[in-house]
Amino acid sequence: MPVIRTFVPGKLRSLLILLFCQVCAMSVWFASAAAVPAIKQAVALSSWQEALLTSSVQAGFVAGTVLSALLGLADRYDPRRLFMLSAGVAAAATLTLVVCAPAGVPVYVLRFVTGMCMAGVYPVGMRLAATWAKGDLGLLIGLLVGALSLGSASPHLLAAFGGMQWTSVYLAAAALAAIAAVAINFCGLGPAMTRSVRLNPAAVAQAWRVPALRLANLGYLGHMWELYAMWAWLAVFLHFSFEMNGVNQPWLAAERVTFFAIGAGALGAWAGGWFADRYGRTAVTTLAMFVSASCALVIGWTAGAPTVVVTTLAVIWGISAIADSAQFSASIAELSTPDSIGTLLTAQTCAGFLLTLVSIHLVPPVQALLGWPGAFSMLAIGPALGCVMMLRLRRDPASLKMANGRR
C-alpha cells in the first residue's frame, strides 16, 4: 500500500489516530436520523420535522464552512486544535439533546450548532491527511472519507439493536465525539504542512475562477446532490420495502441494512483512492457516479422485492455513492496553490452541503407525488451531470497535475 511504501516517520501512527478520531467525531452527524424510530414512539413527527433533524446539521455545516473559508481557519491555525475545539463543542451540543424534548426549535438549534462544528472536523481532517501525502493523496483522503462513512453509519448500528431509547443514541454519539476531541492531540502534522500567514478571503474565488477547479467542484456538486439525501432516506425506504415484504420487525431490519450499506461505503472510498492514485481521478469518479446513478434509477422499483435483492442494491449504492467522494477533494488539493488548500477544500464542502439542503427536503414531496422510483430517480440526475463534468475535466490540460499525471 502507498502508506507503507512512501514511509515518513510518524505517518502511519498519525493517520491511524486521525482515522479513529474521524470515525468517533462523525458519529454525531446522523445521530438524529438513527434516533428517529425511537423518537416517533415518544412524539408524532411530520416528514418535514424528520427532514429538519438532518438538514439542520447540513445548514450548520454550511454556515461553519462559510465562516471557516472566509477566515482561512484551516490554513492559518493548527488543524489539530481546530478539530479538538469543534469535536468538543459538538459533543456538548449532542449531550444537551438528552435533556430536551425530542423535537422542536431547541433541538434544531443544537443540531445546527453540531453542523457548524463539523466544519472544523471533516474538511480539517482532510487538510491533516494531505500534510502526509507523498504520491498517495487519493488513498489518504479515501481512507478519511471511509472513516466518515463508518462514523456516519455508527448511530444506525446502535439503533439496530432495538429497545434503545433515543437518548441512548445521543449519549453514545456525544461520548464518541468527546473521545475524538482528546485523541486528535496525539496526531502529528506531516511534512507537507504549510500555513497562510495572512487573511485572504479572495482565495475562495479560485474555486470558480480557475476552470479546472470549477469543473472539479461542479462534479462534486453532482455527487453531493445524491449522497446525503440517500443516506438520510435510505432507512425509510428500506422500512417501507421490508414492511411490504412482510419482514419481521422491519424497522430494525432497515437500520441494520442501512448501517451495512453506509458503512460498506468505507470500502468504496478506500478502493477508490487506491485506484485513483494509479489510474486517474476522473476515471474513478466517472465510473463511480455512473454506477451510483444506475442504482438510484433502479432501487426505487424494487420496493417489496425479495430482501436479498433490495439489500444487495442498497449495498452497491452505498459503496459506489461514496467511492468518488475523496477524489473530488484530492483533485482540489492537487489543483490548488499550497497555501490555499484548506480554504478551497472548505469552500468545496460548503457548496456541496448547501446543495444537500435542497435534495434532502425534495425527497418527501417527490416521493409523495411519484413514489420511491421518482424520488430516487431525481437523485440520479446529480451523478449523471457529475460524469459530464469529470469527463470535461479529463480533457483539460490542468488535470495532468492530478494523481501524478494520471487523469
Protein backbone atom coordinates (compact mmCIF):
# COMPACT_ATOMS: atom_id res chain seq x y z
CA MET A 1 0.00 0.00 0.00
CA PRO A 2 1.23 3.55 -0.71
CA VAL A 3 1.00 4.47 3.00
CA ILE A 4 3.65 1.86 3.74
CA ARG A 5 5.77 2.29 0.60
CA THR A 6 6.13 6.06 0.98
CA PHE A 7 7.36 5.82 4.56
CA VAL A 8 7.61 9.01 6.58
CA PRO A 9 8.39 8.81 10.32
CA GLY A 10 5.18 9.09 12.34
CA LYS A 11 2.94 8.84 9.28
CA LEU A 12 1.19 5.54 9.99
CA ARG A 13 0.65 6.35 13.67
CA SER A 14 -0.75 9.80 12.93
CA LEU A 15 -3.05 8.51 10.20
CA LEU A 16 -4.45 5.77 12.44
CA ILE A 17 -5.16 8.35 15.14
CA LEU A 18 -6.77 10.67 12.59
CA LEU A 19 -8.98 7.90 11.18
CA PHE A 20 -10.05 6.86 14.68
CA CYS A 21 -10.92 10.45 15.57
CA GLN A 22 -12.84 10.93 12.32
CA VAL A 23 -15.00 7.85 12.95
CA CYS A 24 -15.74 8.96 16.52
CA ALA A 25 -16.43 12.63 15.75
CA MET A 26 -18.67 11.97 12.75
CA SER A 27 -20.99 9.79 14.85
CA VAL A 28 -22.89 12.92 15.91
CA TRP A 29 -23.84 13.79 12.32
CA PHE A 30 -26.56 11.17 11.75
CA ALA A 31 -27.41 10.57 15.40
CA SER A 32 -30.86 12.09 14.91
CA ALA A 33 -31.58 10.07 11.77
CA ALA A 34 -30.78 6.89 13.70
CA ALA A 35 -32.85 8.01 16.69
CA VAL A 36 -35.97 8.82 14.62
CA PRO A 37 -37.72 5.42 15.10
CA ALA A 38 -37.42 5.74 18.88
CA ILE A 39 -38.40 9.42 18.78
CA LYS A 40 -41.55 8.54 16.83
CA GLN A 41 -42.59 6.31 19.69
CA ALA A 42 -42.49 9.33 22.00
CA VAL A 43 -43.89 12.09 19.76
CA ALA A 44 -45.53 12.42 16.37
CA LEU A 45 -43.15 13.69 13.66
CA SER A 46 -44.14 15.09 10.28
CA SER A 47 -41.90 14.33 7.28
CA TRP A 48 -40.80 17.99 7.39
CA GLN A 49 -39.74 17.73 11.05
CA GLU A 50 -37.99 14.45 10.33
CA ALA A 51 -36.04 16.04 7.48
CA LEU A 52 -35.14 19.01 9.70
CA LEU A 53 -33.35 16.73 12.14
CA THR A 54 -30.82 16.04 9.38
CA SER A 55 -30.97 19.22 7.29
CA SER A 56 -30.38 21.48 10.32
CA VAL A 57 -26.98 19.76 10.66
CA GLN A 58 -26.34 20.37 6.96
CA ALA A 59 -27.32 24.03 7.33
CA GLY A 60 -25.00 24.42 10.31
CA PHE A 61 -22.20 22.80 8.34
CA VAL A 62 -22.73 25.27 5.50
CA ALA A 63 -22.61 28.21 7.92
CA GLY A 64 -19.49 26.81 9.57
CA THR A 65 -17.68 26.22 6.29
CA VAL A 66 -18.54 29.72 5.02
CA LEU A 67 -17.06 31.23 8.17
CA SER A 68 -14.03 28.94 8.09
CA ALA A 69 -13.35 29.55 4.39
CA LEU A 70 -13.63 33.34 4.61
CA LEU A 71 -11.36 33.44 7.67
CA GLY A 72 -8.99 30.82 6.25
CA LEU A 73 -9.03 28.96 9.57
CA ALA A 74 -7.79 25.63 8.18
CA ASP A 75 -4.76 27.31 6.59
CA ARG A 76 -3.90 29.80 9.35
CA TYR A 77 -4.13 27.72 12.52
CA ASP A 78 -3.03 24.32 13.78
CA PRO A 79 -5.71 21.98 12.33
CA ARG A 80 -5.47 19.66 15.35
CA ARG A 81 -6.58 22.42 17.72
CA LEU A 82 -9.42 23.41 15.38
CA PHE A 83 -10.51 19.75 15.22
CA MET A 84 -10.32 19.41 19.03
CA LEU A 85 -12.41 22.51 19.69
CA SER A 86 -15.01 21.57 17.08
CA ALA A 87 -15.42 17.97 18.25
CA GLY A 88 -15.64 19.09 21.88
CA VAL A 89 -18.42 21.61 21.21
CA ALA A 90 -20.28 19.07 19.03
CA ALA A 91 -20.11 16.57 21.88
CA ALA A 92 -21.56 19.14 24.30
CA ALA A 93 -24.36 20.10 21.89
CA THR A 94 -25.28 16.45 21.30
CA LEU A 95 -25.23 15.71 25.03
CA THR A 96 -27.61 18.63 25.64
CA LEU A 97 -30.17 16.95 23.34
CA VAL A 98 -30.71 14.36 26.07
CA VAL A 99 -32.42 16.92 28.32
CA CYS A 100 -34.52 18.49 25.53
CA ALA A 101 -37.84 17.42 24.10
CA PRO A 102 -37.09 15.05 21.18
CA ALA A 103 -38.30 17.56 18.58
CA GLY A 104 -38.69 21.31 18.47
CA VAL A 105 -36.74 24.53 17.99
CA PRO A 106 -34.11 23.84 20.71
CA VAL A 107 -33.29 20.52 19.03
CA TYR A 108 -32.90 22.10 15.60
CA VAL A 109 -30.67 24.84 17.04
CA LEU A 110 -28.45 22.30 18.76
CA ARG A 111 -28.25 20.25 15.57
CA PHE A 112 -27.32 23.44 13.70
CA VAL A 113 -24.51 24.07 16.19
CA THR A 114 -23.34 20.49 15.72
CA GLY A 115 -23.24 21.03 11.97
CA MET A 116 -21.16 24.19 12.40
CA CYS A 117 -18.69 22.18 14.44
CA MET A 118 -18.45 19.51 11.77
CA ALA A 119 -16.93 22.21 9.53
CA GLY A 120 -13.96 22.02 11.87
CA VAL A 121 -13.82 18.22 11.68
CA TYR A 122 -14.45 16.90 8.16
CA PRO A 123 -12.54 19.35 5.89
CA VAL A 124 -9.94 19.91 8.59
CA GLY A 125 -9.37 16.16 8.77
CA MET A 126 -8.76 16.15 5.01
CA ARG A 127 -6.31 19.01 5.47
CA LEU A 128 -4.46 16.98 8.10
CA ALA A 129 -4.35 13.91 5.84
CA ALA A 130 -2.99 15.99 2.94
CA THR A 131 0.02 17.04 5.04
CA TRP A 132 1.23 13.42 4.96
CA ALA A 133 0.66 12.85 1.22
CA LYS A 134 3.55 11.63 -0.90
CA GLY A 135 2.18 10.15 -4.11
CA ASP A 136 -0.78 8.65 -2.25
CA LEU A 137 -3.11 11.62 -1.71
CA GLY A 138 -6.14 9.83 -3.18
CA LEU A 139 -5.70 6.88 -0.86
CA LEU A 140 -5.15 9.05 2.23
CA ILE A 141 -8.26 11.14 1.67
CA GLY A 142 -10.11 7.98 0.63
CA LEU A 143 -9.23 6.45 3.98
CA LEU A 144 -10.53 9.57 5.70
CA VAL A 145 -13.80 9.57 3.76
CA GLY A 146 -14.12 5.87 4.58
CA ALA A 147 -13.84 6.83 8.23
CA LEU A 148 -16.54 9.44 7.65
CA SER A 149 -18.79 6.71 6.24
CA LEU A 150 -18.24 4.45 9.23
CA GLY A 151 -18.80 7.33 11.64
CA SER A 152 -21.99 8.41 9.88
CA ALA A 153 -23.26 4.81 9.88
CA SER A 154 -22.42 4.09 13.52
CA PRO A 155 -25.65 5.53 15.04
CA HIS A 156 -27.65 3.16 12.82
CA LEU A 157 -25.73 0.24 14.31
CA LEU A 158 -26.69 1.33 17.81
CA ALA A 159 -30.33 1.80 16.82
CA ALA A 160 -30.35 -1.61 15.13
CA PHE A 161 -30.07 -3.40 18.45
CA GLY A 162 -33.65 -2.46 19.25
CA GLY A 163 -35.16 -1.39 22.55
CA MET A 164 -32.81 1.62 22.73
CA GLN A 165 -34.14 4.97 23.92
CA TRP A 166 -33.43 7.92 21.63
CA THR A 167 -31.45 9.47 24.48
CA SER A 168 -29.06 6.49 24.41
CA VAL A 169 -28.19 7.18 20.77
CA TYR A 170 -27.33 10.79 21.61
CA LEU A 171 -25.34 9.80 24.71
CA ALA A 172 -23.23 7.33 22.75
CA ALA A 173 -22.58 9.80 19.92
CA ALA A 174 -21.63 12.57 22.36
CA ALA A 175 -19.20 10.26 24.16
CA LEU A 176 -17.51 9.28 20.91
CA ALA A 177 -17.12 12.93 19.83
CA ALA A 178 -15.60 13.80 23.20
CA ILE A 179 -13.08 10.97 22.82
CA ALA A 180 -12.15 12.32 19.37
CA ALA A 181 -11.59 15.81 20.82
CA VAL A 182 -8.98 14.41 23.20
CA ALA A 183 -7.34 11.86 20.90
CA ILE A 184 -6.70 14.25 17.99
CA ASN A 185 -3.99 15.98 20.04
CA PHE A 186 -1.84 12.86 19.63
CA CYS A 187 -1.91 13.16 15.82
CA GLY A 188 1.20 14.61 14.21
CA LEU A 189 1.47 17.11 11.36
CA GLY A 190 3.01 15.86 8.12
CA PRO A 191 5.98 17.43 6.29
CA ALA A 192 3.69 18.93 3.64
CA MET A 193 2.02 21.21 6.21
CA THR A 194 2.07 24.86 5.14
CA ARG A 195 0.33 27.84 6.68
CA SER A 196 -1.04 31.03 5.25
CA VAL A 197 0.33 33.97 7.19
CA ARG A 198 -2.44 36.37 6.26
CA LEU A 199 -6.20 36.50 5.88
CA ASN A 200 -7.09 36.21 2.18
CA PRO A 201 -10.85 35.85 1.56
CA ALA A 202 -10.21 36.29 -2.18
CA ALA A 203 -8.63 32.82 -2.24
CA VAL A 204 -12.16 31.39 -2.22
CA ALA A 205 -12.77 32.91 -5.69
CA GLN A 206 -10.26 30.46 -7.20
CA ALA A 207 -12.89 27.73 -6.77
CA TRP A 208 -14.90 29.23 -9.65
CA ARG A 209 -12.35 31.41 -11.49
CA VAL A 210 -9.89 28.59 -12.34
CA PRO A 211 -11.52 26.33 -15.00
CA ALA A 212 -10.10 23.03 -13.70
CA LEU A 213 -11.14 23.83 -10.14
CA ARG A 214 -14.59 24.84 -11.36
CA LEU A 215 -15.12 21.52 -13.17
CA ALA A 216 -13.91 19.54 -10.14
CA ASN A 217 -16.30 21.48 -7.92
CA LEU A 218 -19.23 21.00 -10.32
CA GLY A 219 -18.53 17.26 -10.39
CA TYR A 220 -18.54 17.29 -6.59
CA LEU A 221 -21.91 19.08 -6.55
CA GLY A 222 -23.41 16.34 -8.72
CA HIS A 223 -22.07 13.75 -6.29
CA MET A 224 -23.42 15.61 -3.25
CA TRP A 225 -26.89 16.08 -4.74
CA GLU A 226 -27.31 12.33 -4.36
CA LEU A 227 -25.18 11.22 -1.41
CA TYR A 228 -26.64 12.77 1.73
CA ALA A 229 -30.24 12.54 0.55
CA MET A 230 -29.64 8.84 0.01
CA TRP A 231 -28.05 8.49 3.45
CA ALA A 232 -30.93 10.42 5.06
CA TRP A 233 -33.80 8.49 3.43
CA LEU A 234 -32.43 5.00 2.73
CA ALA A 235 -33.62 3.62 6.07
CA VAL A 236 -37.13 4.98 5.45
CA PHE A 237 -37.28 3.36 2.02
CA LEU A 238 -35.93 0.06 3.35
CA HIS A 239 -38.52 0.03 6.13
CA PHE A 240 -41.25 0.61 3.54
CA SER A 241 -39.88 -2.18 1.35
CA PHE A 242 -39.38 -4.68 4.17
CA GLU A 243 -42.85 -3.96 5.56
CA MET A 244 -44.36 -4.64 2.12
CA ASN A 245 -42.43 -7.90 2.02
CA GLY A 246 -43.65 -8.99 5.46
CA VAL A 247 -40.22 -8.88 7.12
CA ASN A 248 -40.35 -9.31 10.89
CA GLN A 249 -39.55 -6.06 12.75
CA PRO A 250 -38.98 -4.06 9.54
CA TRP A 251 -37.54 -1.00 11.30
CA LEU A 252 -34.77 -3.00 12.96
CA ALA A 253 -34.01 -4.81 9.71
CA ALA A 254 -33.92 -1.47 7.89
CA GLU A 255 -31.49 0.02 10.43
CA ARG A 256 -29.17 -2.98 10.13
CA VAL A 257 -29.12 -2.87 6.34
CA THR A 258 -28.68 0.93 6.39
CA PHE A 259 -25.67 0.60 8.68
CA PHE A 260 -24.19 -2.06 6.41
CA ALA A 261 -24.88 -0.07 3.22
CA ILE A 262 -23.44 3.21 4.51
CA GLY A 263 -20.61 1.53 6.40
CA ALA A 264 -19.65 -0.53 3.33
CA GLY A 265 -19.04 2.80 1.64
CA ALA A 266 -15.74 2.83 3.54
CA LEU A 267 -14.56 0.02 1.28
CA GLY A 268 -15.60 2.03 -1.75
CA ALA A 269 -13.78 5.13 -0.53
CA TRP A 270 -10.59 3.20 0.21
CA ALA A 271 -10.66 1.31 -3.08
CA GLY A 272 -11.48 4.49 -4.99
CA GLY A 273 -8.42 6.19 -3.53
CA TRP A 274 -6.15 3.26 -4.35
CA PHE A 275 -7.31 3.05 -7.97
CA ALA A 276 -7.37 6.83 -8.47
CA ASP A 277 -3.71 7.17 -7.48
CA ARG A 278 -2.86 4.61 -10.19
CA TYR A 279 -5.39 5.15 -12.97
CA GLY A 280 -6.59 8.71 -12.51
CA ARG A 281 -9.20 10.63 -10.54
CA THR A 282 -11.50 11.49 -13.44
CA ALA A 283 -11.69 7.82 -14.46
CA VAL A 284 -12.60 6.65 -10.95
CA THR A 285 -15.12 9.43 -10.26
CA THR A 286 -16.86 8.94 -13.62
CA LEU A 287 -17.21 5.18 -13.13
CA ALA A 288 -18.42 5.53 -9.52
CA MET A 289 -21.05 8.13 -10.43
CA PHE A 290 -22.26 6.01 -13.36
CA VAL A 291 -22.80 3.04 -11.02
CA SER A 292 -24.45 5.09 -8.26
CA ALA A 293 -26.77 6.86 -10.73
CA SER A 294 -27.78 3.45 -12.11
CA CYS A 295 -28.55 2.19 -8.59
CA ALA A 296 -30.64 5.29 -7.88
CA LEU A 297 -32.65 4.72 -11.06
CA VAL A 298 -33.33 1.07 -10.24
CA ILE A 299 -33.70 0.66 -6.47
CA GLY A 300 -36.97 2.58 -6.11
CA TRP A 301 -38.67 0.00 -8.33
CA THR A 302 -37.60 -2.87 -6.03
CA ALA A 303 -39.80 -1.89 -3.06
CA GLY A 304 -41.39 -5.08 -1.78
CA ALA A 305 -38.97 -7.28 -3.75
CA PRO A 306 -37.12 -10.14 -2.01
CA THR A 307 -34.96 -8.83 0.82
CA VAL A 308 -31.74 -10.08 -0.74
CA VAL A 309 -32.40 -8.08 -3.92
CA VAL A 310 -33.13 -4.82 -2.12
CA THR A 311 -30.24 -5.30 0.30
CA THR A 312 -27.75 -6.05 -2.48
CA LEU A 313 -28.76 -2.95 -4.44
CA ALA A 314 -28.59 -0.81 -1.29
CA VAL A 315 -25.07 -2.00 -0.51
CA ILE A 316 -23.84 -1.46 -4.09
CA TRP A 317 -25.38 2.01 -3.99
CA GLY A 318 -23.76 2.74 -0.63
CA ILE A 319 -20.33 1.70 -1.92
CA SER A 320 -20.50 3.49 -5.27
CA ALA A 321 -22.08 6.70 -3.95
CA ILE A 322 -19.07 7.39 -1.69
CA ALA A 323 -16.27 5.80 -3.76
CA ASP A 324 -15.70 9.04 -5.67
CA SER A 325 -16.08 11.48 -2.78
CA ALA A 326 -12.46 11.64 -1.68
CA GLN A 327 -11.23 12.10 -5.23
CA PHE A 328 -13.01 15.42 -5.64
CA SER A 329 -11.22 16.65 -2.53
CA ALA A 330 -7.90 15.19 -3.71
CA SER A 331 -8.40 16.95 -7.05
CA ILE A 332 -8.88 20.29 -5.30
CA ALA A 333 -5.75 19.69 -3.19
CA GLU A 334 -3.69 18.94 -6.31
CA LEU A 335 -5.05 21.80 -8.41
CA SER A 336 -4.83 24.47 -5.67
CA THR A 337 -1.87 26.56 -4.55
CA PRO A 338 -0.29 25.08 -1.37
CA ASP A 339 -1.31 27.96 0.91
CA SER A 340 -4.98 27.82 -0.12
CA ILE A 341 -5.69 24.07 0.06
CA GLY A 342 -7.52 24.19 3.39
CA THR A 343 -9.62 27.18 2.35
CA LEU A 344 -10.61 25.68 -1.01
CA LEU A 345 -11.41 22.29 0.50
CA THR A 346 -13.65 24.07 2.99
CA ALA A 347 -15.29 26.12 0.22
CA GLN A 348 -15.92 22.95 -1.79
CA THR A 349 -17.62 21.16 1.08
CA CYS A 350 -19.62 24.30 1.87
CA ALA A 351 -21.12 24.42 -1.63
CA GLY A 352 -21.79 20.69 -1.64
CA PHE A 353 -23.59 20.63 1.70
CA LEU A 354 -25.60 23.72 0.79
CA LEU A 355 -26.94 21.72 -2.14
CA THR A 356 -27.85 18.80 0.12
CA LEU A 357 -30.34 21.05 1.90
CA VAL A 358 -32.34 21.10 -1.32
CA SER A 359 -32.12 17.41 -2.20
CA ILE A 360 -32.86 16.15 1.32
CA HIS A 361 -36.05 18.23 1.55
CA LEU A 362 -37.12 17.44 -2.01
CA VAL A 363 -37.28 13.68 -1.46
CA PRO A 364 -40.52 13.62 0.65
CA PRO A 365 -42.71 15.72 -1.72
CA VAL A 366 -41.38 13.99 -4.82
CA GLN A 367 -41.88 10.60 -3.16
CA ALA A 368 -45.45 11.55 -2.25
CA LEU A 369 -46.11 12.55 -5.87
CA LEU A 370 -44.13 9.95 -7.83
CA GLY A 371 -43.30 7.26 -5.29
CA TRP A 372 -39.84 5.98 -4.45
CA PRO A 373 -38.91 5.38 -8.11
CA GLY A 374 -39.47 9.07 -8.84
CA ALA A 375 -37.71 10.30 -5.69
CA PHE A 376 -34.58 8.24 -6.22
CA SER A 377 -34.54 8.90 -9.98
CA MET A 378 -34.43 12.60 -9.11
CA LEU A 379 -31.27 11.93 -7.12
CA ALA A 380 -29.70 10.18 -10.13
CA ILE A 381 -29.64 13.50 -12.01
CA GLY A 382 -26.74 14.72 -9.85
CA PRO A 383 -24.18 11.98 -10.54
CA ALA A 384 -25.24 11.85 -14.20
CA LEU A 385 -24.30 15.53 -14.61
CA GLY A 386 -21.22 14.93 -12.47
CA CYS A 387 -19.99 12.39 -15.02
CA VAL A 388 -20.18 15.06 -17.72
CA MET A 389 -18.14 17.50 -15.62
CA MET A 390 -15.40 14.98 -14.86
CA LEU A 391 -15.11 13.90 -18.50
CA ARG A 392 -14.65 17.58 -19.39
CA LEU A 393 -12.01 17.93 -16.68
CA ARG A 394 -10.23 14.90 -18.14
CA ARG A 395 -9.73 16.87 -21.37
CA ASP A 396 -8.39 19.94 -19.51
CA PRO A 397 -4.54 20.12 -19.61
CA ALA A 398 -4.52 21.20 -15.96
CA SER A 399 -5.78 17.74 -14.97
CA LEU A 400 -2.27 16.43 -15.66
CA LYS A 401 -1.38 17.82 -12.21
CA MET A 402 -3.69 15.23 -10.67
CA ALA A 403 -2.63 11.77 -9.45
CA ASN A 404 0.95 12.05 -10.74
CA GLY A 405 -0.19 12.98 -14.22
CA ARG A 406 -2.84 10.25 -14.45
CA ARG A 407 -6.13 11.90 -15.24
